[in-house]
Amino acid sequence: MIASLWLSLALVGAGAQAPPSEVVAQISVHGNLLTPEEEVVRLAGVTVGMPFEASTIEQVTSRLRATRRFESVEVLKRFASIADPTQIILVILVDDGHVDVDWTTGAVKAPRFGQRRGPRLKYMPLLDAEDGYGFSYGVQVAVPNPIGARSRLSFPLTWGGEKYAGVQLEKDFDRGPFTHVEGGTSISRRENPFFHEDDDRRRAWIRGQREIASVLRAGGTASVNHASFFDGSDSFSTIGGDVEFDTRVDPVLPRNAVYARAAWDHLSFKDAGGANRATLDGRGYIGLVRQTVLAVRALREGSSRPLPSYLKPLLGGMANLRGFKAGSAVGDTLVSASAELFVPLTSPLNVGRLGVSGFIDAATIYNKGQRLRDQDFERGVGGSVWFSAAFIRVNLAVAHGIGAGTRVHFGTTVSF
């Protein structure tokens, strides 16, 4: 089953016919309180009628950031017509930074630099519901540009399903070996859904990532960790790398696209030697009639030796096997596959996207020393209702686990 799905992914990437050429039918600018819309478009270097290529979003974003006139820049692709998918709306979101407004006249004044004392803080709500771990809520406080342009110092804090506090510093670069570097430290606690015990972690890490092309990224991460689980504790370090290939233009509902990720890391335990972990994740998205999309996925997580109980992969739930409780089983190797038909119910021009889907999942988990061909795959079938907007993702699924009953799964993420 896994081999056939990986073959399907390869065929999607290699055998799909090239779609008709896309053109920019409309340019929409938002967030520009100081800079006139015509000036933003000029700086972006785009015009109505120009070809829309795979690199257009990256090029426009780079041009606007290079002007150093905006605190943040985001460029999005939207479809101007359901009947003609070659007509593209280019949405440009810019932030001019702090401005003063004369509330008597409504006039917008230029920012008065130098009058502010201390760092300017930004506050972002954090809301997340993860199947098996419950609902988490909190806030992230951030200091923009503490070490130069395109840098951020943030302090995330959550409570509920996951209790988390951390400090993270990150910065983007235009040149050099890495295009993004980040590092930080954190402390967290959440209950393991299989063992029903608190998993306490302390972690410090550093990561570098390079965008090799618009669809290809590679990175490396090193960390030191301390875990407390049941009545014991353990310290270990990790070092590893990952490669990601992603042709998805619209992450909400990809179409005729491929996503693949391969990751490897080495774990060194204080008292128990080392282990190698590897993850392979492949997804393919095939556009059918109108907006309907068929998505297939294959996933494998494994290690070279038995892992401590707090690091073992978990079977079940939204992550890999709907119809079964999240954390219904643990093991050293997890293998899963799924196929899902997405049917949007709203226009792609809407800010929010609403739709339904039908799916089938199959997965198994087993310990080191056992063989995949000797395992029985559990299966779940069902449907879901989903909603997605610029900063929110909500998914409600009802699934029947064959031989295990029917379950309701819910997941959501809110980020700004």
Protein backbone atom coordinates (compact mmCIF):
# COMPACT_ATOMS: atom_id res chain seq x y z
CA MET A 1 0.00 0.00 0.00
CA ILE A 2 2.74 2.46 0.98
CA ALA A 3 4.76 1.66 -2.13
CA SER A 4 1.77 2.25 -4.39
CA LEU A 5 1.03 5.60 -2.77
CA TRP A 6 4.64 6.73 -3.15
CA LEU A 7 4.39 5.72 -6.83
CA SER A 8 1.22 7.83 -7.13
CA LEU A 9 3.09 10.82 -5.70
CA ALA A 10 5.87 10.37 -8.21
CA LEU A 11 3.37 10.20 -11.07
CA VAL A 12 1.68 13.37 -9.87
CA GLY A 13 5.00 15.21 -9.89
CA ALA A 14 6.39 13.73 -13.11
CA GLY A 15 3.41 12.90 -15.30
CA ALA A 16 1.05 15.82 -14.83
CA GLN A 17 0.59 18.01 -17.89
CA ALA A 18 1.70 21.60 -17.63
CA PRO A 19 -1.26 23.87 -16.80
CA PRO A 20 -2.16 26.85 -19.03
CA SER A 21 -0.10 29.99 -18.49
CA GLU A 22 -1.33 32.16 -15.64
CA VAL A 23 -1.54 35.96 -15.81
CA VAL A 24 -2.02 38.69 -13.22
CA ALA A 25 -5.60 39.89 -13.71
CA GLN A 26 -5.76 42.15 -10.66
CA ILE A 27 -3.42 43.63 -8.03
CA SER A 28 -4.85 44.26 -4.56
CA VAL A 29 -2.88 46.20 -1.91
CA HIS A 30 -3.78 46.22 1.79
CA GLY A 31 -2.28 47.63 5.01
CA ASN A 32 -0.62 50.66 3.39
CA LEU A 33 -1.53 53.55 5.68
CA LEU A 34 1.37 55.77 4.58
CA THR A 35 2.55 54.53 1.20
CA PRO A 36 0.12 55.15 -1.70
CA GLU A 37 -1.17 52.04 -3.46
CA GLU A 38 0.38 53.12 -6.76
CA GLU A 39 3.78 53.44 -5.06
CA VAL A 40 3.50 49.96 -3.52
CA VAL A 41 2.69 48.50 -6.94
CA ARG A 42 5.60 50.39 -8.51
CA LEU A 43 8.02 49.13 -5.85
CA ALA A 44 6.70 45.60 -6.30
CA GLY A 45 7.47 45.75 -10.03
CA VAL A 46 4.21 44.15 -11.15
CA THR A 47 1.55 45.11 -13.69
CA VAL A 48 -1.84 43.79 -14.68
CA GLY A 49 -1.49 41.42 -17.62
CA MET A 50 2.02 40.22 -16.80
CA PRO A 51 2.65 36.44 -16.63
CA PHE A 52 2.30 34.89 -13.18
CA GLU A 53 5.17 32.43 -12.68
CA ALA A 54 6.22 30.12 -9.86
CA SER A 55 8.80 32.68 -8.72
CA THR A 56 6.53 35.75 -8.86
CA ILE A 57 5.54 35.72 -5.17
CA GLU A 58 9.15 35.30 -4.04
CA GLN A 59 10.38 38.06 -6.36
CA VAL A 60 7.70 40.56 -5.34
CA THR A 61 8.30 39.87 -1.65
CA SER A 62 12.07 40.34 -2.05
CA ARG A 63 11.65 43.64 -3.92
CA LEU A 64 9.36 45.14 -1.30
CA ARG A 65 11.53 43.98 1.61
CA ALA A 66 14.63 45.38 -0.09
CA THR A 67 13.12 48.90 0.02
CA ARG A 68 13.20 48.72 3.87
CA ARG A 69 10.07 50.87 3.90
CA PHE A 70 7.78 48.26 5.41
CA GLU A 71 7.87 46.48 8.74
CA SER A 72 6.37 43.34 7.21
CA VAL A 73 5.48 42.11 3.72
CA GLU A 74 3.30 39.21 2.63
CA VAL A 75 2.28 38.35 -0.94
CA LEU A 76 -0.56 35.93 -1.68
CA LYS A 77 -2.02 34.28 -4.75
CA ARG A 78 -5.79 34.17 -5.24
CA PHE A 79 -7.91 33.05 -8.19
CA ALA A 80 -9.97 35.74 -9.93
CA SER A 81 -12.37 33.34 -11.61
CA ILE A 82 -13.69 29.85 -10.98
CA ALA A 83 -14.29 29.33 -14.70
CA ASP A 84 -10.79 30.48 -15.73
CA PRO A 85 -8.06 29.42 -13.25
CA THR A 86 -5.40 31.26 -15.28
CA GLN A 87 -6.67 34.64 -14.04
CA ILE A 88 -4.77 35.47 -10.85
CA ILE A 89 -5.30 38.13 -8.17
CA LEU A 90 -1.99 39.20 -6.61
CA VAL A 91 -2.67 40.28 -3.02
CA ILE A 92 0.05 42.44 -1.42
CA LEU A 93 -0.10 42.91 2.36
CA VAL A 94 2.29 45.51 3.79
CA ASP A 95 2.73 47.09 7.22
CA ASP A 96 4.01 50.67 7.28
CA GLY A 97 4.78 50.32 10.98
CA HIS A 98 3.57 52.59 13.78
CA VAL A 99 1.70 55.69 12.56
CA ASP A 100 -0.07 58.56 14.30
CA VAL A 101 -3.63 59.52 13.38
CA ASP A 102 -5.22 62.94 13.88
CA TRP A 103 -8.61 61.83 15.10
CA THR A 104 -10.17 65.27 14.48
CA THR A 105 -9.38 65.24 10.76
CA GLY A 106 -8.68 61.56 10.13
CA ALA A 107 -5.29 62.41 8.63
CA VAL A 108 -2.51 59.85 8.91
CA LYS A 109 0.81 61.25 10.09
CA ALA A 110 4.24 59.86 9.47
CA PRO A 111 5.76 57.96 12.37
CA ARG A 112 7.70 60.13 14.81
CA PHE A 113 10.83 58.11 15.37
CA GLY A 114 12.79 58.79 18.50
CA GLN A 115 9.82 59.71 20.72
CA ARG A 116 9.19 56.14 21.82
CA ARG A 117 11.00 54.97 24.91
CA GLY A 118 11.93 51.32 25.22
CA PRO A 119 11.20 48.56 22.69
CA ARG A 120 7.85 48.51 20.87
CA LEU A 121 6.13 45.26 21.72
CA LYS A 122 3.68 43.24 19.65
CA TYR A 123 1.13 40.89 21.17
CA MET A 124 -0.30 37.88 19.37
CA PRO A 125 -2.92 35.46 20.74
CA LEU A 126 -2.07 31.77 20.61
CA LEU A 127 -4.96 29.29 20.34
CA ASP A 128 -4.58 25.66 19.43
CA ALA A 129 -6.66 22.48 19.77
CA GLU A 130 -4.69 19.30 19.06
CA ASP A 131 -6.36 15.92 18.97
CA GLY A 132 -5.29 13.95 22.03
CA TYR A 133 -3.72 16.91 23.83
CA GLY A 134 -6.66 19.26 24.31
CA PHE A 135 -7.05 23.02 23.96
CA SER A 136 -4.14 25.39 24.55
CA TYR A 137 -4.36 29.15 24.84
CA GLY A 138 -1.94 31.95 25.51
CA VAL A 139 -0.08 34.92 24.11
CA GLN A 140 3.18 35.64 22.31
CA VAL A 141 4.98 38.88 23.04
CA ALA A 142 7.46 39.93 20.35
CA VAL A 143 10.11 42.62 19.93
CA PRO A 144 10.57 43.41 16.21
CA ASN A 145 14.03 43.95 14.74
CA PRO A 146 16.12 43.64 17.95
CA ILE A 147 19.29 42.77 15.98
CA GLY A 148 18.57 44.51 12.71
CA ALA A 149 15.98 44.30 9.97
CA ARG A 150 13.98 41.08 9.57
CA SER A 151 14.72 39.82 13.07
CA ARG A 152 12.41 39.07 15.98
CA LEU A 153 12.70 38.26 19.67
CA SER A 154 9.58 36.49 20.96
CA PHE A 155 8.27 35.13 24.24
CA PRO A 156 5.48 32.56 23.72
CA LEU A 157 3.43 31.49 26.74
CA THR A 158 0.53 28.97 26.68
CA TRP A 159 -1.65 27.17 29.20
CA GLY A 160 -4.18 24.35 28.99
CA GLY A 161 -3.42 21.22 26.98
CA GLU A 162 0.20 22.29 26.61
CA LYS A 163 1.83 24.48 29.21
CA TYR A 164 4.72 26.19 27.44
CA ALA A 165 7.07 29.10 28.08
CA GLY A 166 9.97 30.02 25.85
CA VAL A 167 12.32 32.62 24.42
CA GLN A 168 13.15 32.59 20.71
CA LEU A 169 15.38 34.80 18.55
CA GLU A 170 15.19 34.59 14.76
CA LYS A 171 16.53 36.48 11.75
CA ASP A 172 16.26 36.27 7.96
CA PHE A 173 19.20 36.88 5.61
CA ASP A 174 19.42 37.74 1.91
CA ARG A 175 22.81 36.07 1.47
CA GLY A 176 25.12 33.65 3.24
CA PRO A 177 24.87 29.94 3.99
CA PHE A 178 21.45 30.34 5.67
CA THR A 179 18.41 32.39 4.73
CA HIS A 180 16.83 31.88 8.17
CA VAL A 181 18.46 31.29 11.56
CA GLU A 182 16.71 30.83 14.89
CA GLY A 183 17.51 29.67 18.39
CA GLY A 184 15.95 29.62 21.80
CA THR A 185 15.10 27.82 24.98
CA SER A 186 11.81 26.52 26.39
CA ILE A 187 10.13 24.61 29.16
CA SER A 188 6.90 22.65 28.59
CA ARG A 189 4.47 20.13 30.01
CA ARG A 190 1.70 18.10 28.40
CA GLU A 191 0.07 14.78 29.12
CA ASN A 192 1.04 11.80 26.99
CA PRO A 193 -2.32 10.49 25.64
CA PHE A 194 -1.21 6.83 25.73
CA PHE A 195 0.47 6.66 29.15
CA HIS A 196 -1.67 9.44 30.71
CA GLU A 197 1.41 10.85 32.42
CA ASP A 198 2.83 14.37 32.31
CA ASP A 199 5.74 14.75 29.90
CA ASP A 200 7.98 17.58 31.16
CA ARG A 201 10.64 18.96 28.82
CA ARG A 202 13.39 21.55 28.94
CA ARG A 203 15.04 22.37 25.63
CA ALA A 204 17.58 24.69 24.05
CA TRP A 205 18.11 24.65 20.30
CA ILE A 206 19.60 26.38 17.28
CA ARG A 207 18.48 25.93 13.68
CA GLY A 208 19.64 27.16 10.30
CA GLN A 209 17.63 26.88 7.09
CA ARG A 210 18.43 27.71 3.50
CA GLU A 211 15.92 28.32 0.73
CA ILE A 212 17.70 26.72 -2.22
CA ALA A 213 14.83 27.50 -4.60
CA SER A 214 11.25 28.69 -4.23
CA VAL A 215 10.11 25.06 -3.84
CA LEU A 216 13.16 23.56 -2.12
CA ARG A 217 14.45 24.15 1.42
CA ALA A 218 17.05 22.42 3.56
CA GLY A 219 17.94 22.90 7.20
CA GLY A 220 19.82 21.60 10.20
CA THR A 221 18.98 21.61 13.91
CA ALA A 222 20.97 20.94 17.08
CA SER A 223 19.46 20.79 20.57
CA VAL A 224 20.04 19.76 24.16
CA ASN A 225 17.07 18.36 26.08
CA HIS A 226 15.99 17.18 29.51
CA ALA A 227 12.86 15.05 29.96
CA SER A 228 11.00 14.00 33.10
CA PHE A 229 8.49 11.17 32.65
CA PHE A 230 6.87 8.92 35.25
CA ASP A 231 9.35 8.86 38.14
CA GLY A 232 12.51 9.19 36.06
CA SER A 233 14.39 11.81 34.09
CA ASP A 234 16.79 11.74 31.17
CA SER A 235 19.06 14.11 29.28
CA PHE A 236 19.86 13.83 25.59
CA SER A 237 21.09 15.90 22.66
CA THR A 238 20.10 15.84 19.01
CA ILE A 239 21.69 16.88 15.74
CA GLY A 240 20.13 16.40 12.35
CA GLY A 241 18.97 17.75 9.03
CA ASP A 242 15.92 17.87 6.80
CA VAL A 243 15.01 18.57 3.18
CA GLU A 244 11.61 19.83 2.05
CA PHE A 245 10.20 19.99 -1.49
CA ASP A 246 6.94 21.93 -1.74
CA THR A 247 5.18 23.02 -4.94
CA ARG A 248 1.97 24.09 -3.17
CA VAL A 249 0.99 27.65 -4.07
CA ASP A 250 -2.19 27.73 -1.99
CA PRO A 251 -1.56 25.95 1.33
CA VAL A 252 -5.28 26.05 2.19
CA LEU A 253 -6.31 23.87 -0.74
CA PRO A 254 -3.33 22.77 -2.88
CA ARG A 255 -4.04 21.67 -6.43
CA ASN A 256 -1.81 19.70 -8.81
CA ALA A 257 1.04 19.91 -6.35
CA VAL A 258 3.50 17.74 -4.42
CA TYR A 259 4.91 18.03 -0.92
CA ALA A 260 7.76 15.80 0.30
CA ARG A 261 9.90 15.96 3.42
CA ALA A 262 12.79 13.79 4.57
CA ALA A 263 14.33 14.30 8.01
CA TRP A 264 17.05 12.51 9.97
CA ASP A 265 18.52 13.15 13.39
CA HIS A 266 20.90 11.46 15.79
CA LEU A 267 19.98 11.28 19.47
CA SER A 268 22.71 10.93 22.10
CA PHE A 269 21.45 9.84 25.52
CA LYS A 270 23.39 10.56 28.66
CA ASP A 271 23.28 6.98 29.96
CA ALA A 272 22.01 4.86 27.06
CA GLY A 273 24.09 5.46 23.93
CA GLY A 274 22.60 6.81 20.72
CA ALA A 275 19.81 6.28 18.21
CA ASN A 276 18.98 7.48 14.72
CA ARG A 277 15.49 8.65 13.80
CA ALA A 278 14.14 9.12 10.27
CA THR A 279 10.89 10.56 8.92
CA LEU A 280 9.56 10.34 5.36
CA ASP A 281 6.40 12.29 4.51
CA GLY A 282 4.97 12.48 0.98
CA ARG A 283 1.75 14.13 -0.19
CA GLY A 284 0.18 14.61 -3.61
CA TYR A 285 -2.76 16.82 -4.63
CA ILE A 286 -4.64 16.18 -7.87
CA GLY A 287 -7.22 18.67 -9.17
CA LEU A 288 -10.42 17.04 -10.41
CA VAL A 289 -13.67 18.69 -11.59
CA ARG A 290 -14.16 22.35 -10.62
CA GLN A 291 -12.57 22.97 -7.20
CA THR A 292 -12.52 19.33 -6.07
CA VAL A 293 -9.10 17.98 -5.05
CA LEU A 294 -7.94 14.43 -4.32
CA ALA A 295 -5.13 14.31 -1.75
CA VAL A 296 -3.01 11.23 -0.96
CA ARG A 297 -0.39 10.89 1.75
CA ALA A 298 2.19 8.35 2.91
CA LEU A 299 4.14 8.67 6.17
CA ARG A 300 6.84 6.66 7.91
CA GLU A 301 8.53 7.41 11.24
CA GLY A 302 11.15 5.01 12.59
CA SER A 303 14.33 4.64 14.62
CA SER A 304 17.42 2.47 14.61
CA ARG A 305 16.83 1.20 18.17
CA PRO A 306 14.00 1.13 20.73
CA LEU A 307 13.26 4.63 21.97
CA PRO A 308 12.36 5.78 25.49
CA SER A 309 8.61 5.74 26.07
CA TYR A 310 8.31 9.55 25.95
CA LEU A 311 9.83 9.66 22.43
CA LYS A 312 7.85 6.83 20.82
CA PRO A 313 5.48 7.73 17.94
CA LEU A 314 1.75 7.61 18.75
CA LEU A 315 -0.95 5.96 16.64
CA GLY A 316 -4.42 7.40 16.15
CA GLY A 317 -6.34 10.64 15.86
CA MET A 318 -6.16 13.46 13.33
CA ALA A 319 -2.40 13.01 12.92
CA ASN A 320 -2.48 9.60 11.20
CA LEU A 321 -5.57 7.41 11.87
CA ARG A 322 -9.02 8.97 12.29
CA GLY A 323 -11.62 6.71 13.87
CA PHE A 324 -9.14 5.69 16.58
CA LYS A 325 -8.28 7.58 19.75
CA ALA A 326 -5.12 9.67 19.58
CA GLY A 327 -2.47 7.68 21.43
CA SER A 328 -4.31 4.39 21.06
CA ALA A 329 -0.95 2.61 20.61
CA VAL A 330 2.79 3.35 20.70
CA GLY A 331 5.81 1.76 19.07
CA ASP A 332 9.17 2.42 17.49
CA THR A 333 7.97 2.53 13.86
CA LEU A 334 4.80 4.17 12.52
CA VAL A 335 3.55 3.69 8.96
CA SER A 336 0.39 5.36 7.68
CA ALA A 337 -1.38 6.21 4.43
CA SER A 338 -4.51 8.16 3.57
CA ALA A 339 -6.64 9.37 0.69
CA GLU A 340 -9.04 12.31 1.01
CA LEU A 341 -11.42 14.04 -1.40
CA PHE A 342 -11.82 17.77 -0.65
CA VAL A 343 -14.96 19.54 -1.91
CA PRO A 344 -14.97 23.34 -1.31
CA LEU A 345 -18.44 24.86 -0.88
CA THR A 346 -17.45 28.51 -1.26
CA SER A 347 -15.82 30.56 -3.98
CA PRO A 348 -12.00 30.72 -4.02
CA LEU A 349 -12.42 34.52 -4.01
CA ASN A 350 -13.87 34.47 -0.49
CA VAL A 351 -11.63 35.42 2.42
CA GLY A 352 -12.83 32.33 4.30
CA ARG A 353 -13.01 28.90 2.70
CA LEU A 354 -15.64 26.35 3.78
CA GLY A 355 -15.80 22.77 2.56
CA VAL A 356 -16.38 19.10 3.25
CA SER A 357 -14.27 16.02 2.62
CA GLY A 358 -14.42 12.23 2.66
CA PHE A 359 -11.41 10.13 3.63
CA ILE A 360 -9.96 6.72 4.34
CA ASP A 361 -6.94 6.19 6.61
CA ALA A 362 -4.77 3.12 7.16
CA ALA A 363 -1.94 2.83 9.67
CA THR A 364 0.08 0.49 11.84
CA ILE A 365 2.69 0.80 14.57
CA TYR A 366 5.20 -1.77 15.78
CA ASN A 367 8.37 -2.23 17.82
CA LYS A 368 11.98 -2.59 16.75
CA GLY A 369 12.76 -6.12 15.56
CA GLN A 370 9.33 -6.65 14.01
CA ARG A 371 8.66 -6.48 10.26
CA LEU A 372 6.17 -4.32 8.39
CA ARG A 373 4.86 -7.23 6.32
CA ASP A 374 3.85 -9.05 9.48
CA GLN A 375 1.67 -6.17 10.72
CA ASP A 376 -2.07 -5.65 10.35
CA PHE A 377 -3.17 -2.19 9.23
CA GLU A 378 -5.99 -0.54 11.13
CA ARG A 379 -8.45 1.41 8.96
CA GLY A 380 -10.74 4.35 9.47
CA VAL A 381 -13.29 5.94 7.12
CA GLY A 382 -15.33 9.11 7.52
CA GLY A 383 -15.94 12.71 6.57
CA SER A 384 -15.15 16.17 7.84
CA VAL A 385 -16.25 19.80 7.70
CA TRP A 386 -13.45 22.33 7.50
CA PHE A 387 -13.05 26.10 7.49
CA SER A 388 -9.96 28.12 6.71
CA ALA A 389 -9.25 31.84 6.64
CA ALA A 390 -6.09 33.93 6.74
CA PHE A 391 -5.24 33.12 10.36
CA ILE A 392 -7.55 30.29 11.43
CA ARG A 393 -7.86 26.59 10.57
CA VAL A 394 -10.75 24.52 11.91
CA ASN A 395 -11.46 20.86 11.15
CA LEU A 396 -14.27 18.70 12.57
CA ALA A 397 -14.18 15.04 11.50
CA VAL A 398 -16.42 12.06 12.23
CA ALA A 399 -14.76 8.72 11.49
CA HIS A 400 -15.53 5.05 11.99
CA GLY A 401 -12.58 2.92 12.99
CA ILE A 402 -13.18 -0.51 11.52
CA GLY A 403 -13.47 -2.80 14.51
CA ALA A 404 -13.08 0.10 16.95
CA GLY A 405 -16.27 2.22 16.82
CA THR A 406 -16.95 5.80 15.78
CA ARG A 407 -15.16 8.90 17.05
CA VAL A 408 -15.35 12.66 16.62
CA HIS A 409 -12.04 14.49 16.06
CA PHE A 410 -11.53 18.24 16.33
CA GLY A 411 -8.54 20.39 15.58
CA THR A 412 -7.97 24.11 15.22
CA THR A 413 -5.11 26.60 15.03
CA VAL A 414 -5.32 30.38 15.33
CA SER A 415 -2.22 32.48 14.62
CA PHE A 416 -1.64 36.09 13.61
